[in-house]
Amino acid sequence: MTVSAQIILDLGLKRITVLTDHPTELVGMAGYGIEIAGHIPLF
């Protein structure tokens, strides 16, 4: 498990919106039961 996924799960989050310019890099989060509700581009 990635450190980021572990932190998100430890916080009790199951659905998140992320700030990123590369949303395709977050596909792996679904494997940990974390749903990406959306993304907000940085630029």
PDB file of N, CA and C in Angstrom:
ATOM      1  N   MET A   1       0.851  -1.181   0.000  1.00  0.00           N
ATOM      2  CA  MET A   1       0.000   0.000   0.000  1.00  0.00           C
ATOM      3  C   MET A   1       0.892   1.238   0.000  1.00  0.00           C
ATOM      4  N   THR A   2       0.492   2.215  -0.782  1.00  0.00           N
ATOM      5  CA  THR A   2       1.270   3.449  -0.831  1.00  0.00           C
ATOM      6  C   THR A   2       1.041   4.257   0.443  1.00  0.00           C
ATOM      7  N   VAL A   3       2.001   5.092   0.761  1.00  0.00           N
ATOM      8  CA  VAL A   3       1.887   5.938   1.949  1.00  0.00           C
ATOM      9  C   VAL A   3       0.680   6.861   1.828  1.00  0.00           C
ATOM     10  N   SER A   4       0.475   7.418   0.643  1.00  0.00           N
ATOM     11  CA  SER A   4      -0.662   8.333   0.464  1.00  0.00           C
ATOM     12  C   SER A   4      -1.990   7.612   0.684  1.00  0.00           C
ATOM     13  N   ALA A   5      -2.131   6.413   0.164  1.00  0.00           N
ATOM     14  CA  ALA A   5      -3.366   5.648   0.352  1.00  0.00           C
ATOM     15  C   ALA A   5      -3.564   5.309   1.828  1.00  0.00           C
ATOM     16  N   GLN A   6      -2.497   4.963   2.516  1.00  0.00           N
ATOM     17  CA  GLN A   6      -2.602   4.628   3.941  1.00  0.00           C
ATOM     18  C   GLN A   6      -3.054   5.832   4.762  1.00  0.00           C
ATOM     19  N   ILE A   7      -2.516   7.008   4.470  1.00  0.00           N
ATOM     20  CA  ILE A   7      -2.916   8.225   5.186  1.00  0.00           C
ATOM     21  C   ILE A   7      -4.389   8.527   4.940  1.00  0.00           C
ATOM     22  N   ILE A   8      -4.807   8.445   3.683  1.00  0.00           N
ATOM     23  CA  ILE A   8      -6.207   8.724   3.334  1.00  0.00           C
ATOM     24  C   ILE A   8      -7.138   7.759   4.065  1.00  0.00           C
ATOM     25  N   LEU A   9      -6.798   6.485   4.086  1.00  0.00           N
ATOM     26  CA  LEU A   9      -7.631   5.498   4.768  1.00  0.00           C
ATOM     27  C   LEU A   9      -7.602   5.688   6.282  1.00  0.00           C
ATOM     28  N   ASP A  10      -6.444   6.039   6.842  1.00  0.00           N
ATOM     29  CA  ASP A  10      -6.349   6.291   8.283  1.00  0.00           C
ATOM     30  C   ASP A  10      -7.223   7.468   8.706  1.00  0.00           C
ATOM     31  N   LEU A  11      -7.418   8.420   7.799  1.00  0.00           N
ATOM     32  CA  LEU A  11      -8.288   9.560   8.076  1.00  0.00           C
ATOM     33  C   LEU A  11      -9.768   9.205   7.923  1.00  0.00           C
ATOM     34  N   GLY A  12     -10.035   7.991   7.470  1.00  0.00           N
ATOM     35  CA  GLY A  12     -11.411   7.528   7.326  1.00  0.00           C
ATOM     36  C   GLY A  12     -12.095   8.002   6.056  1.00  0.00           C
ATOM     37  N   LEU A  13     -11.303   8.421   5.087  1.00  0.00           N
ATOM     38  CA  LEU A  13     -11.871   8.933   3.841  1.00  0.00           C
ATOM     39  C   LEU A  13     -12.026   7.802   2.836  1.00  0.00           C
ATOM     40  N   LYS A  14     -13.139   7.793   2.150  1.00  0.00           N
ATOM     41  CA  LYS A  14     -13.389   6.797   1.107  1.00  0.00           C
ATOM     42  C   LYS A  14     -13.579   7.452  -0.252  1.00  0.00           C
ATOM     43  N   ARG A  15     -13.892   8.744  -0.263  1.00  0.00           N
ATOM     44  CA  ARG A  15     -14.171   9.476  -1.500  1.00  0.00           C
ATOM     45  C   ARG A  15     -13.494  10.834  -1.383  1.00  0.00           C
ATOM     46  N   ILE A  16     -12.637  11.171  -2.354  1.00  0.00           N
ATOM     47  CA  ILE A  16     -11.880  12.415  -2.262  1.00  0.00           C
ATOM     48  C   ILE A  16     -11.892  13.181  -3.583  1.00  0.00           C
ATOM     49  N   THR A  17     -11.675  14.469  -3.491  1.00  0.00           N
ATOM     50  CA  THR A  17     -11.420  15.327  -4.646  1.00  0.00           C
ATOM     51  C   THR A  17      -9.974  15.765  -4.517  1.00  0.00           C
ATOM     52  N   VAL A  18      -9.216  15.637  -5.575  1.00  0.00           N
ATOM     53  CA  VAL A  18      -7.786  15.926  -5.497  1.00  0.00           C
ATOM     54  C   VAL A  18      -7.408  17.162  -6.304  1.00  0.00           C
ATOM     55  N   LEU A  19      -6.359  17.822  -5.872  1.00  0.00           N
ATOM     56  CA  LEU A  19      -5.771  18.950  -6.588  1.00  0.00           C
ATOM     57  C   LEU A  19      -4.580  18.409  -7.358  1.00  0.00           C
ATOM     58  N   THR A  20      -4.684  18.339  -8.687  1.00  0.00           N
ATOM     59  CA  THR A  20      -3.597  17.780  -9.489  1.00  0.00           C
ATOM     60  C   THR A  20      -3.730  18.193 -10.948  1.00  0.00           C
ATOM     61  N   ASP A  21      -2.609  18.216 -11.622  1.00  0.00           N
ATOM     62  CA  ASP A  21      -2.605  18.415 -13.066  1.00  0.00           C
ATOM     63  C   ASP A  21      -2.484  17.082 -13.803  1.00  0.00           C
ATOM     64  N   HIS A  22      -2.371  15.978 -13.059  1.00  0.00           N
ATOM     65  CA  HIS A  22      -2.182  14.651 -13.648  1.00  0.00           C
ATOM     66  C   HIS A  22      -3.177  13.649 -13.054  1.00  0.00           C
ATOM     67  N   PRO A  23      -4.464  13.786 -13.349  1.00  0.00           N
ATOM     68  CA  PRO A  23      -5.459  12.892 -12.741  1.00  0.00           C
ATOM     69  C   PRO A  23      -5.320  11.432 -13.147  1.00  0.00           C
ATOM     70  N   THR A  24      -4.692  11.163 -14.281  1.00  0.00           N
ATOM     71  CA  THR A  24      -4.554   9.767 -14.708  1.00  0.00           C
ATOM     72  C   THR A  24      -3.616   8.987 -13.793  1.00  0.00           C
ATOM     73  N   GLU A  25      -2.778   9.665 -13.035  1.00  0.00           N
ATOM     74  CA  GLU A  25      -1.854   8.988 -12.126  1.00  0.00           C
ATOM     75  C   GLU A  25      -2.549   8.478 -10.867  1.00  0.00           C
ATOM     76  N   LEU A  26      -3.814   8.801 -10.682  1.00  0.00           N
ATOM     77  CA  LEU A  26      -4.540   8.422  -9.471  1.00  0.00           C
ATOM     78  C   LEU A  26      -5.392   7.175  -9.642  1.00  0.00           C
ATOM     79  N   VAL A  27      -5.306   6.541 -10.784  1.00  0.00           N
ATOM     80  CA  VAL A  27      -6.136   5.368 -11.071  1.00  0.00           C
ATOM     81  C   VAL A  27      -5.924   4.274 -10.030  1.00  0.00           C
ATOM     82  N   GLY A  28      -4.739   4.106  -9.522  1.00  0.00           N
ATOM     83  CA  GLY A  28      -4.428   3.054  -8.564  1.00  0.00           C
ATOM     84  C   GLY A  28      -5.125   3.188  -7.222  1.00  0.00           C
ATOM     85  N   MET A  29      -5.633   4.351  -6.897  1.00  0.00           N
ATOM     86  CA  MET A  29      -6.304   4.554  -5.609  1.00  0.00           C
ATOM     87  C   MET A  29      -7.552   3.684  -5.490  1.00  0.00           C
ATOM     88  N   ALA A  30      -8.213   3.391  -6.597  1.00  0.00           N
ATOM     89  CA  ALA A  30      -9.418   2.557  -6.573  1.00  0.00           C
ATOM     90  C   ALA A  30      -9.103   1.166  -6.028  1.00  0.00           C
ATOM     91  N   GLY A  31      -7.900   0.701  -6.248  1.00  0.00           N
ATOM     92  CA  GLY A  31      -7.490  -0.601  -5.738  1.00  0.00           C
ATOM     93  C   GLY A  31      -7.446  -0.663  -4.223  1.00  0.00           C
ATOM     94  N   TYR A  32      -7.404   0.486  -3.581  1.00  0.00           N
ATOM     95  CA  TYR A  32      -7.392   0.561  -2.118  1.00  0.00           C
ATOM     96  C   TYR A  32      -8.762   0.936  -1.560  1.00  0.00           C
ATOM     97  N   GLY A  33      -9.770   1.013  -2.440  1.00  0.00           N
ATOM     98  CA  GLY A  33     -11.113   1.350  -1.997  1.00  0.00           C
ATOM     99  C   GLY A  33     -11.356   2.839  -1.853  1.00  0.00           C
ATOM    100  N   ILE A  34     -10.519   3.648  -2.492  1.00  0.00           N
ATOM    101  CA  ILE A  34     -10.656   5.102  -2.438  1.00  0.00           C
ATOM    102  C   ILE A  34     -11.216   5.574  -3.770  1.00  0.00           C
ATOM    103  N   GLU A  35     -12.362   6.233  -3.715  1.00  0.00           N
ATOM    104  CA  GLU A  35     -12.994   6.739  -4.932  1.00  0.00           C
ATOM    105  C   GLU A  35     -12.537   8.173  -5.181  1.00  0.00           C
ATOM    106  N   ILE A  36     -12.087   8.451  -6.390  1.00  0.00           N
ATOM    107  CA  ILE A  36     -11.722   9.809  -6.781  1.00  0.00           C
ATOM    108  C   ILE A  36     -12.992  10.473  -7.310  1.00  0.00           C
ATOM    109  N   ALA A  37     -13.565  11.392  -6.521  1.00  0.00           N
ATOM    110  CA  ALA A  37     -14.816  12.049  -6.887  1.00  0.00           C
ATOM    111  C   ALA A  37     -14.597  13.076  -7.987  1.00  0.00           C
ATOM    112  N   GLY A  38     -13.396  13.583  -8.084  1.00  0.00           N
ATOM    113  CA  GLY A  38     -13.086  14.572  -9.098  1.00  0.00           C
ATOM    114  C   GLY A  38     -11.699  15.135  -8.875  1.00  0.00           C
ATOM    115  N   HIS A  39     -11.305  16.024  -9.764  1.00  0.00           N
ATOM    116  CA  HIS A  39     -10.012  16.677  -9.579  1.00  0.00           C
ATOM    117  C   HIS A  39     -10.138  18.146  -9.935  1.00  0.00           C
ATOM    118  N   ILE A  40      -9.320  18.939  -9.288  1.00  0.00           N
ATOM    119  CA  ILE A  40      -9.267  20.372  -9.541  1.00  0.00           C
ATOM    120  C   ILE A  40      -7.874  20.662 -10.075  1.00  0.00           C
ATOM    121  N   PRO A  41      -7.767  21.161 -11.315  1.00  0.00           N
ATOM    122  CA  PRO A  41      -6.446  21.442 -11.881  1.00  0.00           C
ATOM    123  C   PRO A  41      -5.750  22.581 -11.137  1.00  0.00           C
ATOM    124  N   LEU A  42      -4.443  22.463 -11.019  1.00  0.00           N
ATOM    125  CA  LEU A  42      -3.665  23.486 -10.329  1.00  0.00           C
ATOM    126  C   LEU A  42      -3.451  24.718 -11.187  1.00  0.00           C
ATOM    127  N   PHE A  43      -3.352  24.525 -12.491  1.00  0.00           N
ATOM    128  CA  PHE A  43      -3.111  25.666 -13.384  1.00  0.00           C
ATOM    129  C   PHE A  43      -4.151  25.721 -14.464  1.00  0.00           C
TER     130      PHE A  43
END
